[in-house]
């Protein structure tokens, strides 16, 4: 039986996944380390890694063995508490901190529960928000800078707008952000922290994407959040998310549970992955290979006069293209070379992105640059290019010099797109 996956005739959802130029999902039949294999036997280098969830590489032996052992009933049961759960809770508290720890299956579910718990604890209706927080209508705003029906105000990482709201903080329960380290720098985090501390409003760090990505812990010391959420780097692709922080703010989580809470394979994947991520070694290894690739790609684009630059570092980076036409041509050329990128968003090499893989990837990106050479000599990267790139990756505004009037103009343009 053949299913037309592109038409979506059987699957009700339209899940996020790599797609070809016609919008059809790409199919891969196997994965090993940093490589994927398609039905034709062609090997691709994976920079998507399930939107950054496969941190150690596909088919990691240690994780696979831990999952297999748990699936055979040798690491606790789904019926009841197990030593593996105690181990995971202790690991999370040691690595990320917090008075209490909570577990969920997805970062989206974790953040919704956290936001509701903190709002109840603070008894205030407004939550100021920036960044992507998952597939949840709670966070959808029809316009920026004004509350939606759920009391969410999207301030798009603009510190002037944040300062305006925090000037009268009596109605503000919390500020929740998804930290970004490609388009926001130390200055932004320092000023953000000053504003929230002076207003005495707690910060919820939605580190679903970046937590454990850069080091063995949360991504930045500058935030000092009251509550944190991590997920994507926690279990090498298995469905586990964690929250932690102030016990009073998270008191409402006591009533949150679900049938698969004690499911042993997910816990086994998380304890095994976290044990390695806590050392910081996977992050250092991924950074080394990623940095080498970034330097090579940047030089290749410059040498071929291709208007593409890169933001971020080897742990997490983004291609910033002059415009949509350049971006489409880049992704088509990359697919032809077997480079699987998260189109228009961030790239997240796994620990399996070794020196050998990096060498292979550098050769492929060099050929991509050659294929694009001479095609876009009339284009260049502009401020609009950088704002559009940041918008695609962080759902907000890059920290670049601008006036409030310019902020409104940029938001009006990007919001419509």
Protein backbone atom coordinates (compact mmCIF):
# COMPACT_ATOMS: atom_id res chain seq x y z
CA UNK A 1 0.00 0.00 0.00
CA UNK A 2 1.41 3.41 -0.98
CA UNK A 3 0.42 6.49 0.98
CA UNK A 4 0.63 9.90 -0.72
CA UNK A 5 2.32 11.68 2.18
CA UNK A 6 2.56 14.92 0.26
CA UNK A 7 -1.21 15.19 -0.09
CA UNK A 8 -1.74 14.41 3.56
CA UNK A 9 -4.65 12.09 2.75
CA UNK A 10 -4.24 9.92 5.85
CA UNK A 11 -2.27 11.93 8.40
CA UNK A 12 -4.48 14.60 9.94
CA UNK A 13 -1.59 16.85 10.95
CA UNK A 14 0.90 18.67 8.78
CA UNK A 15 3.96 18.22 10.99
CA UNK A 16 7.09 20.31 10.79
CA UNK A 17 9.68 18.36 8.83
CA UNK A 18 12.14 18.79 5.96
CA UNK A 19 10.36 19.21 2.64
CA UNK A 20 11.39 19.40 -1.01
CA UNK A 21 10.83 22.33 -3.38
CA UNK A 22 7.26 21.13 -4.02
CA UNK A 23 6.38 21.02 -0.32
CA UNK A 24 6.47 17.23 -0.09
CA UNK A 25 8.03 15.76 3.07
CA UNK A 26 11.48 14.29 2.53
CA UNK A 27 11.69 10.63 3.52
CA UNK A 28 14.68 9.06 5.26
CA UNK A 29 14.92 5.37 6.01
CA UNK A 30 17.94 5.31 8.32
CA UNK A 31 20.21 7.48 10.42
CA UNK A 32 23.68 6.98 11.85
CA UNK A 33 25.60 9.68 13.68
CA UNK A 34 25.47 12.85 11.61
CA UNK A 35 24.20 11.10 8.46
CA UNK A 36 20.76 10.21 7.13
CA UNK A 37 19.95 7.80 4.29
CA UNK A 38 17.08 8.40 1.86
CA UNK A 39 15.14 5.66 0.00
CA UNK A 40 17.58 5.88 -2.93
CA UNK A 41 20.53 5.11 -0.66
CA UNK A 42 21.87 8.66 -0.80
CA UNK A 43 23.59 9.93 2.36
CA UNK A 44 22.76 13.37 3.69
CA UNK A 45 24.49 15.35 6.45
CA UNK A 46 21.90 16.31 9.07
CA UNK A 47 22.02 19.87 10.42
CA UNK A 48 18.33 19.77 11.42
CA UNK A 49 18.51 16.86 13.88
CA UNK A 50 14.77 16.89 14.65
CA UNK A 51 14.86 20.65 15.18
CA UNK A 52 17.85 20.27 17.49
CA UNK A 53 16.61 17.35 19.60
CA UNK A 54 19.12 14.74 18.43
CA UNK A 55 22.09 16.17 20.31
CA UNK A 56 24.34 13.11 20.45
CA UNK A 57 23.66 11.86 16.92
CA UNK A 58 21.32 9.33 15.34
CA UNK A 59 21.46 5.82 16.75
CA UNK A 60 23.78 6.69 19.64
CA UNK A 61 24.83 3.32 21.06
CA UNK A 62 24.74 4.23 24.74
CA UNK A 63 21.31 5.81 24.53
CA UNK A 64 20.00 2.98 22.36
CA UNK A 65 21.20 0.39 24.87
CA UNK A 66 19.64 2.28 27.79
CA UNK A 67 16.31 2.47 25.93
CA UNK A 68 16.45 -1.20 24.98
CA UNK A 69 17.18 -2.21 28.56
CA UNK A 70 14.26 -0.10 29.80
CA UNK A 71 11.95 -1.49 27.12
CA UNK A 72 12.74 -5.01 28.33
CA UNK A 73 11.58 -4.09 31.83
CA UNK A 74 15.01 -3.83 33.44
CA UNK A 75 14.86 -0.14 34.42
CA UNK A 76 11.62 0.34 36.27
CA UNK A 77 8.04 0.22 35.03
CA UNK A 78 5.47 2.68 33.75
CA UNK A 79 3.16 1.79 36.61
CA UNK A 80 5.13 3.34 39.44
CA UNK A 81 8.04 5.39 40.71
CA UNK A 82 11.54 4.10 39.94
CA UNK A 83 15.14 4.84 40.92
CA UNK A 84 15.67 6.17 37.37
CA UNK A 85 13.22 8.98 38.08
CA UNK A 86 15.04 9.89 41.30
CA UNK A 87 18.30 9.93 39.37
CA UNK A 88 16.93 12.22 36.65
CA UNK A 89 15.47 14.69 39.16
CA UNK A 90 18.77 14.86 41.01
CA UNK A 91 20.71 15.36 37.78
CA UNK A 92 18.44 18.18 36.66
CA UNK A 93 18.64 20.01 39.96
CA UNK A 94 22.44 19.75 40.00
CA UNK A 95 22.85 20.92 36.41
CA UNK A 96 20.12 23.57 36.10
CA UNK A 97 19.19 24.44 39.70
CA UNK A 98 15.77 25.07 41.21
CA UNK A 99 13.91 24.35 44.44
CA UNK A 100 11.64 21.87 42.65
CA UNK A 101 11.68 20.02 39.32
CA UNK A 102 8.76 18.99 37.08
CA UNK A 103 8.66 16.62 34.11
CA UNK A 104 6.57 16.75 30.95
CA UNK A 105 6.55 15.14 27.51
CA UNK A 106 7.00 18.32 25.46
CA UNK A 107 8.39 21.79 25.98
CA UNK A 108 5.12 23.29 24.77
CA UNK A 109 3.13 21.51 27.47
CA UNK A 110 5.73 22.35 30.10
CA UNK A 111 5.67 26.06 29.33
CA UNK A 112 1.88 26.29 29.34
CA UNK A 113 1.75 24.65 32.78
CA UNK A 114 4.53 26.88 34.07
CA UNK A 115 2.89 30.07 32.77
CA UNK A 116 -0.42 29.14 34.37
CA UNK A 117 1.23 28.19 37.67
CA UNK A 118 3.25 31.42 37.88
CA UNK A 119 0.25 33.56 36.95
CA UNK A 120 -1.83 31.89 39.67
CA UNK A 121 0.95 32.27 42.24
CA UNK A 122 1.38 35.95 41.44
CA UNK A 123 -2.37 36.61 40.95
CA UNK A 124 -1.66 38.97 38.06
CA UNK A 125 -3.12 38.68 34.54
CA UNK A 126 -0.40 39.80 32.11
CA UNK A 127 2.56 37.78 30.81
CA UNK A 128 5.11 39.61 28.67
CA UNK A 129 6.52 37.26 26.07
CA UNK A 130 9.17 37.03 23.36
CA UNK A 131 10.25 34.09 21.24
CA UNK A 132 8.69 30.93 19.92
CA UNK A 133 6.89 28.83 22.56
CA UNK A 134 5.55 25.92 20.55
CA UNK A 135 2.28 24.95 18.90
CA UNK A 136 -0.07 26.47 21.42
CA UNK A 137 -2.79 29.08 20.68
CA UNK A 138 -2.12 30.59 24.10
CA UNK A 139 0.91 32.40 22.66
CA UNK A 140 -0.64 33.56 19.39
CA UNK A 141 -1.09 37.32 19.14
CA UNK A 142 -2.92 39.10 16.34
CA UNK A 143 -0.81 42.18 16.94
CA UNK A 144 2.38 43.07 18.74
CA UNK A 145 2.68 44.96 22.02
CA UNK A 146 -0.98 44.46 23.10
CA UNK A 147 -2.55 41.69 25.23
CA UNK A 148 -4.28 38.80 23.48
CA UNK A 149 -7.29 37.00 24.94
CA UNK A 150 -4.99 34.96 27.19
CA UNK A 151 -3.24 38.03 28.63
CA UNK A 152 -0.07 37.48 26.58
CA UNK A 153 1.79 40.57 25.33
CA UNK A 154 4.31 39.94 22.56
CA UNK A 155 7.15 42.49 22.93
CA UNK A 156 9.39 40.90 20.25
CA UNK A 157 12.62 41.28 22.27
CA UNK A 158 12.33 45.08 22.03
CA UNK A 159 13.69 46.54 25.26
CA UNK A 160 11.92 49.89 24.83
CA UNK A 161 8.54 48.15 24.67
CA UNK A 162 9.49 45.96 27.63
CA UNK A 163 10.49 49.04 29.64
CA UNK A 164 7.13 50.68 28.88
CA UNK A 165 5.22 47.69 30.27
CA UNK A 166 7.49 47.28 33.28
CA UNK A 167 7.17 50.95 34.19
CA UNK A 168 3.77 49.95 35.69
CA UNK A 169 4.32 46.31 36.67
CA UNK A 170 1.30 45.85 38.95
CA UNK A 171 -0.53 43.71 36.38
CA UNK A 172 2.51 41.75 35.13
CA UNK A 173 2.85 38.19 36.44
CA UNK A 174 6.09 37.34 34.62
CA UNK A 175 8.28 37.87 31.59
CA UNK A 176 8.88 34.75 29.52
CA UNK A 177 11.54 34.68 26.81
CA UNK A 178 13.18 32.10 24.60
CA UNK A 179 16.84 33.13 24.83
CA UNK A 180 18.66 33.65 21.55
CA UNK A 181 22.44 33.85 21.19
CA UNK A 182 22.64 34.46 17.45
CA UNK A 183 20.95 37.85 17.29
CA UNK A 184 21.05 39.02 20.92
CA UNK A 185 24.29 39.78 22.74
CA UNK A 186 25.50 40.46 26.26
CA UNK A 187 24.28 44.07 26.19
CA UNK A 188 20.72 42.91 25.56
CA UNK A 189 20.70 40.39 28.41
CA UNK A 190 22.30 42.83 30.84
CA UNK A 191 19.69 45.49 30.15
CA UNK A 192 16.84 42.96 30.15
CA UNK A 193 17.90 41.68 33.56
CA UNK A 194 18.21 45.20 34.94
CA UNK A 195 14.68 46.07 33.81
CA UNK A 196 13.05 42.93 35.22
CA UNK A 197 14.90 43.15 38.53
CA UNK A 198 14.03 46.81 39.05
CA UNK A 199 10.38 46.00 38.35
CA UNK A 200 10.57 42.93 40.63
CA UNK A 201 8.97 40.74 37.96
CA UNK A 202 10.11 37.09 37.72
CA UNK A 203 11.68 35.78 34.52
CA UNK A 204 10.68 32.46 32.94
CA UNK A 205 13.45 31.23 30.66
CA UNK A 206 12.00 29.07 27.88
CA UNK A 207 15.27 27.26 27.20
CA UNK A 208 13.56 24.43 25.34
CA UNK A 209 15.91 25.04 22.40
CA UNK A 210 19.07 26.46 23.98
CA UNK A 211 19.21 24.84 27.42
CA UNK A 212 22.22 22.46 27.56
CA UNK A 213 23.01 23.48 23.95
CA UNK A 214 26.07 25.55 24.75
CA UNK A 215 27.33 24.05 28.00
CA UNK A 216 26.35 21.72 30.83
CA UNK A 217 23.49 23.86 32.13
CA UNK A 218 21.32 26.81 31.14
CA UNK A 219 22.59 28.93 28.28
CA UNK A 220 23.48 32.17 30.08
CA UNK A 221 24.28 33.32 33.61
CA UNK A 222 23.02 36.83 32.86
CA UNK A 223 19.33 35.92 33.10
CA UNK A 224 19.17 34.27 36.54
CA UNK A 225 15.58 33.11 35.84
CA UNK A 226 13.07 32.30 38.56
CA UNK A 227 11.85 29.39 36.42
CA UNK A 228 13.46 27.50 33.53
CA UNK A 229 12.35 24.94 30.94
CA UNK A 230 14.68 22.60 28.99
CA UNK A 231 13.76 19.88 26.50
CA UNK A 232 15.49 19.51 23.13
CA UNK A 233 18.95 18.62 24.45
CA UNK A 234 17.67 16.44 27.25
CA UNK A 235 17.06 12.97 25.77
CA UNK A 236 18.56 12.69 22.26
CA UNK A 237 15.15 12.85 20.63
CA UNK A 238 12.99 11.03 23.18
CA UNK A 239 9.96 12.98 24.44
CA UNK A 240 11.02 14.52 27.75
CA UNK A 241 10.89 18.12 28.98
CA UNK A 242 11.77 19.50 32.38
CA UNK A 243 11.01 22.63 34.39
CA UNK A 244 12.56 23.90 37.56
CA UNK A 245 12.75 26.92 39.81
CA UNK A 246 11.08 28.71 42.69
CA UNK A 247 8.85 26.38 44.71
CA UNK A 248 6.23 29.05 45.43
CA UNK A 249 5.88 30.04 41.77
CA UNK A 250 5.59 26.39 40.71
CA UNK A 251 3.21 25.28 43.45
CA UNK A 252 0.43 24.82 40.90
CA UNK A 253 2.33 21.97 39.23
CA UNK A 254 1.43 19.64 42.11
CA UNK A 255 -1.84 18.83 40.37
CA UNK A 256 -0.22 18.14 36.96
CA UNK A 257 0.27 14.51 35.95
CA UNK A 258 -0.27 12.22 32.96
CA UNK A 259 -0.52 8.51 32.25
CA UNK A 260 2.99 8.07 30.83
CA UNK A 261 4.73 9.96 33.64
CA UNK A 262 6.85 6.96 34.69
CA UNK A 263 7.40 5.56 31.17
CA UNK A 264 10.85 3.92 31.54
CA UNK A 265 12.32 4.31 28.04
CA UNK A 266 11.94 8.10 28.04
CA UNK A 267 13.46 8.34 31.53
CA UNK A 268 16.33 6.06 30.50
CA UNK A 269 17.06 8.17 27.42
CA UNK A 270 17.02 11.34 29.50
CA UNK A 271 19.29 10.11 32.32
CA UNK A 272 21.80 8.70 29.84
CA UNK A 273 21.85 11.79 27.63
CA UNK A 274 21.90 14.26 30.51
CA UNK A 275 24.80 12.46 32.17
CA UNK A 276 26.91 13.19 29.10
CA UNK A 277 25.55 16.68 28.40
CA UNK A 278 26.27 17.73 31.99
CA UNK A 279 30.00 17.27 31.34
CA UNK A 280 29.99 19.89 28.59
CA UNK A 281 32.06 17.62 26.34
CA UNK A 282 29.36 17.02 23.67
CA UNK A 283 28.87 20.78 23.43
CA UNK A 284 32.60 21.39 23.02
CA UNK A 285 32.88 18.70 20.36
CA UNK A 286 29.91 20.01 18.41
CA UNK A 287 31.20 23.57 18.70
CA UNK A 288 34.59 22.65 17.23
CA UNK A 289 33.17 20.98 14.14
CA UNK A 290 30.47 23.60 13.73
CA UNK A 291 32.90 26.51 14.00
CA UNK A 292 35.10 24.96 11.34
CA UNK A 293 32.11 24.58 9.02
CA UNK A 294 30.97 28.18 9.63
CA UNK A 295 34.41 29.61 8.82
CA UNK A 296 34.65 27.55 5.66
CA UNK A 297 31.12 28.42 4.52
CA UNK A 298 31.62 32.14 5.16
CA UNK A 299 34.88 32.15 3.17
CA UNK A 300 33.29 30.14 0.34
CA UNK A 301 30.37 32.54 0.02
CA UNK A 302 32.64 35.58 0.09
CA UNK A 303 34.96 34.08 -2.52
CA UNK A 304 32.04 33.31 -4.83
CA UNK A 305 30.36 36.71 -4.22
CA UNK A 306 27.25 35.02 -2.83
CA UNK A 307 25.27 37.36 -0.52
CA UNK A 308 24.95 34.97 2.41
CA UNK A 309 26.47 35.30 5.89
CA UNK A 310 26.13 33.27 9.08
CA UNK A 311 25.01 34.24 12.58
CA UNK A 312 25.85 32.32 15.76
CA UNK A 313 28.52 29.74 16.47
CA UNK A 314 29.12 26.04 15.99
CA UNK A 315 26.58 25.00 18.63
CA UNK A 316 23.71 26.79 16.90
CA UNK A 317 23.88 29.01 13.83
CA UNK A 318 21.83 30.44 10.99
CA UNK A 319 22.35 31.27 7.33
CA UNK A 320 21.31 34.87 6.67
CA UNK A 321 20.50 35.45 3.01
CA UNK A 322 20.12 38.74 1.15
CA UNK A 323 16.51 37.98 0.24
CA UNK A 324 14.01 35.16 -0.30
CA UNK A 325 15.19 34.43 -3.84
CA UNK A 326 18.76 33.92 -2.65
CA UNK A 327 17.51 31.75 0.21
CA UNK A 328 15.45 29.53 -2.11
CA UNK A 329 18.40 29.07 -4.48
CA UNK A 330 20.70 28.30 -1.56
CA UNK A 331 18.45 25.58 -0.18
CA UNK A 332 17.96 24.02 -3.62
CA UNK A 333 21.73 23.90 -4.17
CA UNK A 334 22.27 22.53 -0.63
CA UNK A 335 19.74 19.74 -1.19
CA UNK A 336 21.52 18.82 -4.40
CA UNK A 337 24.67 18.34 -2.31
CA UNK A 338 22.90 16.32 0.39
CA UNK A 339 23.03 18.99 3.08
CA UNK A 340 19.87 18.87 5.19
CA UNK A 341 19.21 22.28 6.72
CA UNK A 342 16.31 23.57 8.79
CA UNK A 343 15.19 26.02 6.14
CA UNK A 344 15.03 29.65 7.23
CA UNK A 345 15.82 28.75 10.82
CA UNK A 346 18.71 27.64 13.04
CA UNK A 347 21.11 24.78 12.33
CA UNK A 348 22.04 22.44 15.20
CA UNK A 349 24.92 20.03 14.57
CA UNK A 350 25.02 17.04 16.91
CA UNK A 351 28.02 15.68 18.79
CA UNK A 352 28.40 13.27 15.87
CA UNK A 353 29.52 16.22 13.73
CA UNK A 354 33.14 15.09 14.01
CA UNK A 355 36.20 16.44 12.22
CA UNK A 356 35.68 13.87 9.49
CA UNK A 357 32.03 14.89 9.01
CA UNK A 358 33.01 18.56 9.10
CA UNK A 359 35.51 17.96 6.30
CA UNK A 360 32.81 16.29 4.22
CA UNK A 361 30.36 19.13 4.97
CA UNK A 362 32.95 21.79 4.06
CA UNK A 363 33.45 20.15 0.68
CA UNK A 364 29.71 20.08 0.05
CA UNK A 365 29.10 23.70 1.09
CA UNK A 366 32.01 24.75 -1.11
CA UNK A 367 30.25 23.19 -4.09
CA UNK A 368 27.04 24.98 -3.08
CA UNK A 369 28.89 28.30 -3.21
CA UNK A 370 30.31 27.39 -6.64
CA UNK A 371 26.81 26.57 -7.91
CA UNK A 372 25.55 30.00 -6.80
CA UNK A 373 28.56 32.00 -7.99
CA UNK A 374 27.71 34.83 -10.35
CA UNK A 375 23.94 34.50 -9.92
CA UNK A 376 23.31 37.26 -7.38
CA UNK A 377 26.05 39.84 -7.92
CA UNK A 378 23.42 42.60 -7.82
CA UNK A 379 22.31 41.67 -4.27
CA UNK A 380 23.78 42.42 -0.86
CA UNK A 381 22.99 41.83 2.75
CA UNK A 382 21.11 44.77 4.28
CA UNK A 383 19.61 45.66 7.63
CA UNK A 384 16.35 44.24 6.30
CA UNK A 385 18.15 40.96 5.57
CA UNK A 386 19.38 40.65 9.15
CA UNK A 387 16.01 41.55 10.64
CA UNK A 388 14.24 39.05 8.39
CA UNK A 389 16.76 36.35 9.32
CA UNK A 390 16.33 36.99 13.03
CA UNK A 391 12.54 37.01 12.66
CA UNK A 392 12.65 33.56 11.07
CA UNK A 393 14.81 32.09 13.82
CA UNK A 394 13.65 33.83 17.01
CA UNK A 395 10.22 35.28 16.16
CA UNK A 396 11.41 38.71 17.13
CA UNK A 397 13.78 41.61 16.47
CA UNK A 398 17.55 41.39 16.38
CA UNK A 399 19.41 43.66 18.78
CA UNK A 400 20.48 46.28 16.24
CA UNK A 401 20.45 50.09 16.57
CA UNK A 402 17.03 51.59 15.79
CA UNK A 403 14.54 54.18 16.96
CA UNK A 404 11.08 53.35 18.28
CA UNK A 405 9.61 54.63 15.01
CA UNK A 406 11.88 52.27 13.07
CA UNK A 407 10.80 49.44 15.38
CA UNK A 408 7.16 50.02 14.49
CA UNK A 409 7.99 50.11 10.76
CA UNK A 410 10.03 46.89 10.91
CA UNK A 411 7.36 45.09 12.92
CA UNK A 412 4.59 46.20 10.57
CA UNK A 413 6.53 44.85 7.59
CA UNK A 414 7.60 41.53 9.10
CA UNK A 415 4.32 40.86 10.90
CA UNK A 416 2.44 40.96 7.60
CA UNK A 417 4.86 38.46 6.06
